[in-house]
Amino acid sequence: MTRPHLELADVFKALDSDSSKTNPLSLNSQQRRAFRDIIQCRSAALGGHVEQCTQCSHEQIAYNSCRNRHCPKCQAAARKEWTQKRAAELLPVEYFHVVFTLPDQLSPLALQNKRVIYGLLFQAASETLLKIAGDPKHLGAIIGFVAVLHTWGQTIHHHPHLHCVVPGGGLSPDHSRWISCRKGFFLPVKVLSRLFRGKFVAYLKAANEQGRLVFPGQSKHLAEGDHFASLLNEVSKLEWVVYAKRPFGGPVQVLKYLARYTHRVAISNHRLVSLSEGEVTFRWKDYADENAVKEMTLDVREFTRRFLLHILPRGFVRIRHYGLLANRYRTERLECCRRLLALSTNPAATLGAASMISDQCSTDPESEICPVCREGRMTILKKLAPQGSDLPRFLLLAGTADTS
């Protein structure tokens, strides 16, 4: 894989330490750690090893990865491993992609209460899908799905939404038959939207009554008088965005989608275009203009601020499984689905799909082959101890208050 000419670490290093001294960015502990890890990733600061070719004796240095889930350089290996496990769970049915989005009015509150608000997003969306799918008026089946949290839009603004990948059908309540949805149609989005809105607002109100929310910064006024009730009333009158994309073409397309979406970060290195005179330019897709690819230029400080909005609280799980795919019953229920769909235990189509995306999920399928002679294999000659790293003064001076 070709290494990008510009990386996120380069942007972070470009922050002006002098301006940071007088007006430092406020970081919580997880943002601070992600910032540090991304700068040091695959550098001498983390140590590494010297590799040598078994044929031509060519030597090269390979530095260790930071393994931070927000680092764009560290997601390929994790994505490959996770996606190959999902390959064994695919069924030979139509798959759908349903997206649940929070309204912009809740964004300031969500930023100050990430763990609570994002948790409620998962809860409300999953319960909505399971309830409507289980209703005999619609599908009348027990479904299963994977939900992935994204908190960004194309311009790296805060835009929390949930991507759900759902098989087009499910088990009957007594597990005696497979119930398929209508071809090309899963569930009515308006029904999903209104139930999702109702559930989320109810859970948000309960969270406030239980004292689980905090109101610093832009949300400070919500702790006074009837402002919180007014916010709930305002968002309850909106049409919340829930939409279903076109169904996938088959298991191979589902796996390709999962490989692309599950371990994505707010912006990849390949979207970065240039860094000059304190400004960074990156590519973005304008969905309102027929998906036209455009470029945006931001001050390095503003770019960094936007990226750090998407650092998740420690231990927060952003990929979750529900219904038939819930961890507790997954093996048993998938076997039942395959039996009802007249499949063998290890369907050849599924295994074939896994191999077809192997190259896409890998950072470099030939990483062990010598880049010089192309015949020998690179083996570890010796390990390198971590060395000191000159972190930007900005990071050393940043605050550490944790509001997540």
Protein backbone atom coordinates (compact mmCIF):
# COMPACT_ATOMS: atom_id res chain seq x y z
CA MET A 1 0.00 0.00 0.00
CA THR A 2 1.36 3.44 -0.96
CA ARG A 3 2.11 5.59 2.06
CA PRO A 4 0.25 8.95 2.00
CA HIS A 5 2.50 11.95 1.43
CA LEU A 6 0.75 13.73 4.31
CA GLU A 7 -0.44 12.19 7.56
CA LEU A 8 -2.58 13.26 10.48
CA ALA A 9 0.53 13.20 12.68
CA ASP A 10 2.09 15.88 10.45
CA VAL A 11 -0.91 18.13 11.00
CA PHE A 12 -0.76 17.66 14.76
CA LYS A 13 2.96 18.48 14.81
CA ALA A 14 2.29 21.70 12.92
CA LEU A 15 0.37 23.26 15.79
CA ASP A 16 2.06 26.50 16.86
CA SER A 17 3.36 26.01 20.40
CA ASP A 18 3.52 29.78 21.00
CA SER A 19 -0.18 30.34 20.30
CA SER A 20 -0.96 27.18 22.27
CA LYS A 21 0.76 28.69 25.29
CA THR A 22 -1.55 31.69 25.39
CA ASN A 23 -4.70 29.87 24.26
CA PRO A 24 -4.29 26.08 24.65
CA LEU A 25 -6.85 23.61 23.42
CA SER A 26 -8.75 21.97 26.27
CA LEU A 27 -8.24 18.22 26.19
CA ASN A 28 -9.71 15.46 28.28
CA SER A 29 -7.55 12.46 29.15
CA GLN A 30 -8.64 10.36 26.14
CA GLN A 31 -8.08 13.19 23.65
CA ARG A 32 -4.66 13.83 25.14
CA ARG A 33 -3.72 10.17 24.80
CA ALA A 34 -4.98 9.92 21.21
CA PHE A 35 -3.09 13.08 20.23
CA ARG A 36 0.14 11.71 21.72
CA ASP A 37 -0.29 8.21 20.24
CA ILE A 38 -1.02 9.46 16.72
CA ILE A 39 2.08 11.67 16.74
CA GLN A 40 4.32 8.84 17.98
CA CYS A 41 2.81 6.01 15.92
CA ARG A 42 5.38 4.07 13.89
CA SER A 43 8.24 6.26 15.06
CA ALA A 44 11.35 5.66 17.15
CA ALA A 45 9.42 6.89 20.20
CA LEU A 46 7.57 3.56 20.40
CA GLY A 47 10.52 1.33 19.56
CA GLY A 48 10.53 -1.33 16.89
CA HIS A 49 12.83 -3.88 15.29
CA VAL A 50 15.34 -4.36 12.51
CA GLU A 51 14.27 -6.79 9.77
CA GLN A 52 16.62 -8.69 7.50
CA CYS A 53 15.92 -10.58 4.27
CA THR A 54 16.65 -14.30 4.33
CA GLN A 55 17.99 -14.17 0.74
CA CYS A 56 19.78 -10.88 0.00
CA SER A 57 20.39 -9.74 3.61
CA HIS A 58 18.67 -6.41 2.97
CA GLU A 59 17.91 -4.67 6.29
CA GLN A 60 15.18 -2.21 7.18
CA ILE A 61 13.69 -0.70 10.32
CA ALA A 62 10.03 -1.27 11.27
CA TYR A 63 8.69 0.88 14.09
CA ASN A 64 5.84 -0.20 16.37
CA SER A 65 2.25 0.99 16.00
CA CYS A 66 0.43 2.88 18.74
CA ARG A 67 -2.70 0.68 18.39
CA ASN A 68 -4.96 3.57 19.35
CA ARG A 69 -8.42 3.00 17.83
CA HIS A 70 -8.53 6.63 16.67
CA CYS A 71 -5.25 6.41 14.73
CA PRO A 72 -5.79 6.12 10.95
CA LYS A 73 -2.60 4.04 10.54
CA CYS A 74 -3.57 1.36 13.06
CA GLN A 75 -7.02 0.28 11.88
CA ALA A 76 -6.25 -1.98 8.92
CA ALA A 77 -5.07 -5.00 10.91
CA ALA A 78 -7.92 -4.76 13.43
CA ARG A 79 -10.41 -4.30 10.59
CA LYS A 80 -9.14 -7.38 8.75
CA GLU A 81 -9.37 -9.63 11.81
CA TRP A 82 -12.83 -8.39 12.80
CA THR A 83 -14.26 -8.61 9.27
CA GLN A 84 -13.02 -12.14 8.68
CA LYS A 85 -14.85 -13.22 11.83
CA ARG A 86 -18.03 -11.62 10.50
CA ALA A 87 -17.69 -13.54 7.22
CA ALA A 88 -18.67 -16.77 8.98
CA GLU A 89 -21.89 -15.13 10.21
CA LEU A 90 -23.28 -14.01 6.86
CA LEU A 91 -26.45 -15.55 5.47
CA PRO A 92 -27.37 -15.92 1.76
CA VAL A 93 -30.12 -13.28 1.92
CA GLU A 94 -30.55 -9.66 0.95
CA TYR A 95 -28.88 -7.22 3.38
CA PHE A 96 -30.00 -3.69 4.22
CA HIS A 97 -28.24 -0.60 5.54
CA VAL A 98 -30.28 1.54 7.94
CA VAL A 99 -28.95 4.81 9.42
CA PHE A 100 -30.22 6.55 12.58
CA THR A 101 -29.16 10.18 13.08
CA LEU A 102 -29.46 12.52 16.06
CA PRO A 103 -30.71 16.08 15.31
CA ASP A 104 -28.15 18.90 15.40
CA GLN A 105 -29.94 20.50 18.38
CA LEU A 106 -28.62 17.67 20.59
CA SER A 107 -25.01 17.96 19.44
CA PRO A 108 -23.73 20.31 22.22
CA LEU A 109 -25.33 18.12 24.88
CA ALA A 110 -23.91 14.96 23.29
CA LEU A 111 -20.38 16.37 23.21
CA GLN A 112 -20.47 16.94 26.98
CA ASN A 113 -22.15 13.60 27.71
CA LYS A 114 -20.68 11.23 25.14
CA ARG A 115 -20.94 8.03 27.12
CA VAL A 116 -24.58 8.62 28.08
CA ILE A 117 -25.88 10.09 24.81
CA TYR A 118 -24.11 7.62 22.53
CA GLY A 119 -25.30 4.78 24.75
CA LEU A 120 -28.88 6.03 24.44
CA LEU A 121 -28.44 6.23 20.66
CA PHE A 122 -27.54 2.54 20.54
CA GLN A 123 -30.38 1.64 22.92
CA ALA A 124 -33.12 3.60 21.15
CA ALA A 125 -32.08 2.56 17.63
CA SER A 126 -31.67 -1.14 18.44
CA GLU A 127 -34.98 -1.34 20.31
CA THR A 128 -36.69 0.44 17.42
CA LEU A 129 -35.42 -2.02 14.82
CA LEU A 130 -36.20 -5.08 16.94
CA LYS A 131 -39.70 -3.86 17.85
CA ILE A 132 -40.84 -2.82 14.36
CA ALA A 133 -39.35 -5.93 12.76
CA GLY A 134 -41.06 -8.11 15.38
CA ASP A 135 -44.44 -6.50 14.76
CA PRO A 136 -46.67 -8.85 12.67
CA LYS A 137 -47.96 -5.76 10.81
CA HIS A 138 -44.50 -5.35 9.31
CA LEU A 139 -42.17 -8.38 9.34
CA GLY A 140 -43.11 -10.36 12.43
CA ALA A 141 -39.64 -11.83 12.84
CA ILE A 142 -36.66 -11.86 15.19
CA ILE A 143 -33.90 -10.09 13.30
CA GLY A 144 -30.18 -9.59 13.92
CA PHE A 145 -27.87 -6.74 12.99
CA VAL A 146 -24.52 -5.03 13.50
CA ALA A 147 -24.58 -1.36 14.61
CA VAL A 148 -21.56 0.91 14.14
CA LEU A 149 -21.28 4.39 15.68
CA HIS A 150 -19.92 7.28 13.62
CA THR A 151 -19.79 10.75 15.15
CA TRP A 152 -18.58 12.80 12.18
CA GLY A 153 -19.70 14.21 8.87
CA GLN A 154 -17.57 14.70 5.76
CA THR A 155 -16.22 18.05 7.02
CA ILE A 156 -15.32 16.50 10.43
CA HIS A 157 -18.12 18.39 12.19
CA HIS A 158 -19.90 16.60 15.04
CA HIS A 159 -22.65 14.47 13.47
CA PRO A 160 -23.51 11.39 15.60
CA HIS A 161 -25.28 8.62 13.71
CA LEU A 162 -25.57 4.85 13.75
CA HIS A 163 -24.99 2.56 10.74
CA CYS A 164 -26.92 -0.72 11.00
CA VAL A 165 -26.33 -3.65 8.64
CA VAL A 166 -29.36 -5.95 8.74
CA PRO A 167 -30.23 -9.24 6.98
CA GLY A 168 -33.48 -8.96 5.05
CA GLY A 169 -35.49 -11.29 7.25
CA GLY A 170 -35.41 -13.23 10.49
CA LEU A 171 -36.67 -16.15 12.52
CA SER A 172 -40.32 -16.63 13.34
CA PRO A 173 -41.08 -16.22 17.08
CA ASP A 174 -41.12 -20.01 17.55
CA HIS A 175 -37.91 -20.45 15.49
CA SER A 176 -39.69 -22.82 13.12
CA ARG A 177 -39.22 -20.89 9.86
CA TRP A 178 -37.31 -18.08 8.18
CA ILE A 179 -39.40 -15.03 7.33
CA SER A 180 -38.09 -12.96 4.42
CA CYS A 181 -38.90 -9.31 3.88
CA ARG A 182 -40.24 -8.04 0.57
CA LYS A 183 -37.54 -7.85 -2.10
CA GLY A 184 -35.88 -4.43 -2.02
CA PHE A 185 -37.86 -3.27 1.03
CA PHE A 186 -37.06 -3.82 4.69
CA LEU A 187 -39.12 -1.65 7.06
CA PRO A 188 -40.98 1.70 6.68
CA VAL A 189 -38.55 4.49 7.57
CA LYS A 190 -41.23 6.90 8.82
CA VAL A 191 -42.40 4.35 11.37
CA LEU A 192 -38.80 3.73 12.40
CA SER A 193 -38.10 7.45 12.66
CA ARG A 194 -41.02 8.28 14.94
CA LEU A 195 -40.51 5.34 17.27
CA PHE A 196 -36.77 6.10 17.44
CA ARG A 197 -37.51 9.74 18.28
CA GLY A 198 -40.00 8.81 20.97
CA LYS A 199 -37.70 6.27 22.61
CA PHE A 200 -34.64 8.51 22.57
CA VAL A 201 -36.48 11.52 24.01
CA ALA A 202 -37.98 9.37 26.76
CA TYR A 203 -34.59 7.89 27.65
CA LEU A 204 -32.94 11.31 27.57
CA LYS A 205 -35.57 12.75 29.91
CA ALA A 206 -35.07 9.81 32.30
CA ALA A 207 -31.27 10.26 32.21
CA ASN A 208 -31.68 13.89 33.24
CA GLU A 209 -34.06 13.02 36.06
CA GLN A 210 -31.55 10.43 37.29
CA GLY A 211 -28.78 13.03 37.37
CA ARG A 212 -26.70 11.28 34.70
CA LEU A 213 -26.21 14.40 32.54
CA VAL A 214 -23.83 17.33 33.02
CA PHE A 215 -24.28 20.81 31.54
CA PRO A 216 -20.96 22.64 31.10
CA GLY A 217 -20.00 25.01 28.31
CA GLN A 218 -22.64 25.61 25.64
CA SER A 219 -25.11 23.40 27.54
CA LYS A 220 -24.90 25.33 30.83
CA HIS A 221 -28.29 27.01 30.35
CA LEU A 222 -30.02 23.59 30.19
CA ALA A 223 -29.55 23.18 33.93
CA GLU A 224 -31.65 26.27 34.59
CA GLY A 225 -35.44 26.60 34.69
CA ASP A 226 -37.39 24.88 31.92
CA HIS A 227 -34.64 25.00 29.30
CA PHE A 228 -34.09 21.24 29.24
CA ALA A 229 -37.83 20.59 28.90
CA SER A 230 -37.93 23.17 26.08
CA LEU A 231 -35.12 21.34 24.28
CA LEU A 232 -36.98 18.03 24.52
CA ASN A 233 -40.15 19.71 23.26
CA GLU A 234 -38.25 21.25 20.34
CA VAL A 235 -36.63 18.01 19.15
CA SER A 236 -39.89 16.08 19.66
CA LYS A 237 -41.48 18.22 16.95
CA LEU A 238 -38.77 17.48 14.40
CA GLU A 239 -38.74 14.70 11.83
CA TRP A 240 -35.67 12.69 12.87
CA VAL A 241 -33.51 11.38 10.05
CA VAL A 242 -33.73 7.63 9.62
CA TYR A 243 -33.12 6.26 6.15
CA ALA A 244 -32.49 2.94 4.47
CA LYS A 245 -29.97 2.76 1.65
CA ARG A 246 -30.33 0.39 -1.27
CA PRO A 247 -29.90 -3.26 -0.29
CA PHE A 248 -26.46 -4.76 -0.76
CA GLY A 249 -25.86 -7.05 -3.72
CA GLY A 250 -24.83 -10.02 -1.59
CA PRO A 251 -22.43 -11.26 1.12
CA VAL A 252 -19.35 -10.01 -0.73
CA GLN A 253 -20.73 -6.45 -0.85
CA VAL A 254 -21.71 -6.65 2.84
CA LEU A 255 -18.20 -7.67 3.81
CA LYS A 256 -16.66 -4.91 1.69
CA TYR A 257 -18.92 -2.39 3.39
CA LEU A 258 -18.08 -3.67 6.87
CA ALA A 259 -14.37 -3.62 6.02
CA ARG A 260 -14.71 0.01 4.97
CA TYR A 261 -16.92 1.29 7.80
CA THR A 262 -16.35 -0.61 11.02
CA HIS A 263 -12.89 0.67 11.95
CA ARG A 264 -13.02 4.04 10.23
CA VAL A 265 -11.78 7.17 12.00
CA ALA A 266 -12.97 10.76 11.54
CA ILE A 267 -10.61 11.34 8.60
CA SER A 268 -8.13 9.07 6.83
CA ASN A 269 -4.63 10.11 5.81
CA HIS A 270 -5.55 9.63 2.16
CA ARG A 271 -8.07 12.47 2.34
CA LEU A 272 -5.38 14.97 3.36
CA VAL A 273 -4.22 17.09 0.42
CA SER A 274 -1.73 19.68 1.70
CA LEU A 275 -0.32 21.43 4.75
CA SER A 276 1.07 24.93 4.31
CA GLU A 277 1.45 28.09 6.39
CA GLY A 278 -0.64 26.83 9.26
CA GLU A 279 -3.52 25.57 7.08
CA VAL A 280 -4.52 22.04 6.09
CA THR A 281 -6.55 21.14 2.99
CA PHE A 282 -8.55 17.92 2.73
CA ARG A 283 -11.03 16.28 0.38
CA TRP A 284 -14.68 15.82 1.28
CA LYS A 285 -17.78 14.54 -0.47
CA ASP A 286 -20.73 16.93 -0.79
CA TYR A 287 -23.83 14.71 -0.62
CA ALA A 288 -26.06 17.72 -1.33
CA ASP A 289 -24.27 18.26 -4.65
CA GLU A 290 -24.59 14.80 -6.17
CA ASN A 291 -21.65 13.45 -4.14
CA ALA A 292 -19.23 15.90 -5.74
CA VAL A 293 -15.70 15.63 -4.31
CA LYS A 294 -14.53 19.03 -3.08
CA GLU A 295 -11.66 20.45 -1.07
CA MET A 296 -11.82 22.38 2.22
CA THR A 297 -9.06 24.37 3.89
CA LEU A 298 -8.99 24.92 7.65
CA ASP A 299 -6.61 26.45 10.12
CA VAL A 300 -4.54 23.64 11.69
CA ARG A 301 -5.93 24.49 15.10
CA GLU A 302 -9.55 24.32 13.92
CA PHE A 303 -8.87 21.08 12.04
CA THR A 304 -7.36 19.54 15.18
CA ARG A 305 -10.24 20.77 17.32
CA ARG A 306 -12.75 19.11 14.99
CA PHE A 307 -10.85 15.82 14.91
CA LEU A 308 -10.61 15.66 18.69
CA LEU A 309 -14.41 15.99 18.98
CA HIS A 310 -14.62 12.37 17.85
CA ILE A 311 -12.40 10.75 20.46
CA LEU A 312 -14.61 8.30 22.35
CA PRO A 313 -14.67 7.75 26.13
CA ARG A 314 -12.36 5.03 27.39
CA GLY A 315 -13.83 1.55 27.00
CA PHE A 316 -16.86 2.72 25.01
CA VAL A 317 -17.90 -0.01 22.53
CA ARG A 318 -18.68 1.49 19.12
CA ILE A 319 -19.50 -1.79 17.28
CA ARG A 320 -22.37 -3.76 18.79
CA HIS A 321 -24.44 -6.82 17.84
CA TYR A 322 -28.14 -7.30 18.45
CA GLY A 323 -30.92 -9.86 18.08
CA LEU A 324 -29.81 -12.98 16.26
CA LEU A 325 -26.23 -11.69 16.27
CA ALA A 326 -26.06 -10.91 20.00
CA ASN A 327 -23.02 -12.63 21.49
CA ARG A 328 -24.96 -14.83 23.91
CA TYR A 329 -27.09 -16.64 21.31
CA ARG A 330 -25.22 -15.98 18.06
CA THR A 331 -23.88 -19.47 17.29
CA GLU A 332 -27.08 -21.30 18.16
CA ARG A 333 -29.39 -18.95 16.29
CA LEU A 334 -27.24 -18.67 13.18
CA GLU A 335 -27.16 -22.46 12.93
CA CYS A 336 -30.94 -22.43 13.13
CA CYS A 337 -31.11 -19.79 10.37
CA ARG A 338 -28.78 -21.78 8.13
CA ARG A 339 -30.75 -24.95 8.68
CA LEU A 340 -33.98 -23.21 7.75
CA LEU A 341 -32.31 -21.64 4.73
CA ALA A 342 -31.01 -25.07 3.69
CA LEU A 343 -27.37 -24.14 4.16
CA SER A 344 -24.47 -26.27 5.32
CA THR A 345 -22.63 -25.38 8.53
CA ASN A 346 -19.80 -23.68 6.60
CA PRO A 347 -21.32 -22.32 3.37
CA ALA A 348 -18.81 -22.11 0.54
CA ALA A 349 -20.18 -18.76 -0.57
CA THR A 350 -19.43 -17.21 2.78
CA LEU A 351 -15.89 -18.58 2.88
CA GLY A 352 -15.33 -17.38 -0.66
CA ALA A 353 -16.53 -13.92 0.27
CA ALA A 354 -14.02 -13.78 3.10
CA SER A 355 -11.12 -14.53 0.79
CA MET A 356 -12.29 -11.97 -1.77
CA ILE A 357 -11.97 -9.12 0.72
CA SER A 358 -8.74 -10.35 2.29
CA ASP A 359 -6.60 -8.02 0.19
CA GLN A 360 -8.81 -5.04 0.90
CA CYS A 361 -8.60 -5.60 4.66
CA SER A 362 -4.86 -6.09 4.72
CA THR A 363 -2.43 -3.24 5.18
CA ASP A 364 0.01 -4.90 2.80
CA PRO A 365 -0.49 -8.52 1.67
CA GLU A 366 3.22 -8.78 0.81
CA SER A 367 4.57 -7.09 3.94
CA GLU A 368 6.85 -10.06 4.74
CA ILE A 369 8.39 -10.28 1.26
CA CYS A 370 11.71 -8.49 0.77
CA PRO A 371 11.10 -5.22 -1.14
CA VAL A 372 14.52 -5.53 -2.85
CA CYS A 373 14.95 -9.08 -4.15
CA ARG A 374 11.23 -10.02 -3.95
CA GLU A 375 12.23 -13.60 -3.10
CA GLY A 376 13.32 -13.72 0.52
CA ARG A 377 11.21 -13.13 3.61
CA MET A 378 11.87 -10.40 6.15
CA THR A 379 12.71 -11.77 9.59
CA ILE A 380 13.40 -9.92 12.83
CA LEU A 381 17.12 -9.39 13.39
CA LYS A 382 16.98 -7.36 16.61
CA LYS A 383 14.60 -5.24 18.64
CA LEU A 384 14.88 -1.49 19.11
CA ALA A 385 14.08 0.13 22.45
CA PRO A 386 11.74 3.15 22.55
CA GLN A 387 13.53 6.48 22.29
CA GLY A 388 12.58 9.90 23.58
CA SER A 389 10.15 11.93 21.52
CA ASP A 390 9.86 15.70 21.28
CA LEU A 391 6.12 16.15 21.68
CA PRO A 392 4.71 19.57 20.75
CA ARG A 393 4.68 22.07 23.57
CA PHE A 394 0.96 22.33 22.89
CA LEU A 395 0.43 18.81 24.24
CA LEU A 396 2.51 19.44 27.35
CA LEU A 397 0.56 22.60 28.17
CA ALA A 398 -2.95 21.32 27.36
CA GLY A 399 -5.53 20.93 30.10
CA THR A 400 -6.64 17.46 31.17
CA ALA A 401 -10.18 17.95 32.46
CA ASP A 402 -12.28 14.94 31.44
CA THR A 403 -15.83 15.85 30.49
CA SER A 404 -16.69 12.70 28.57
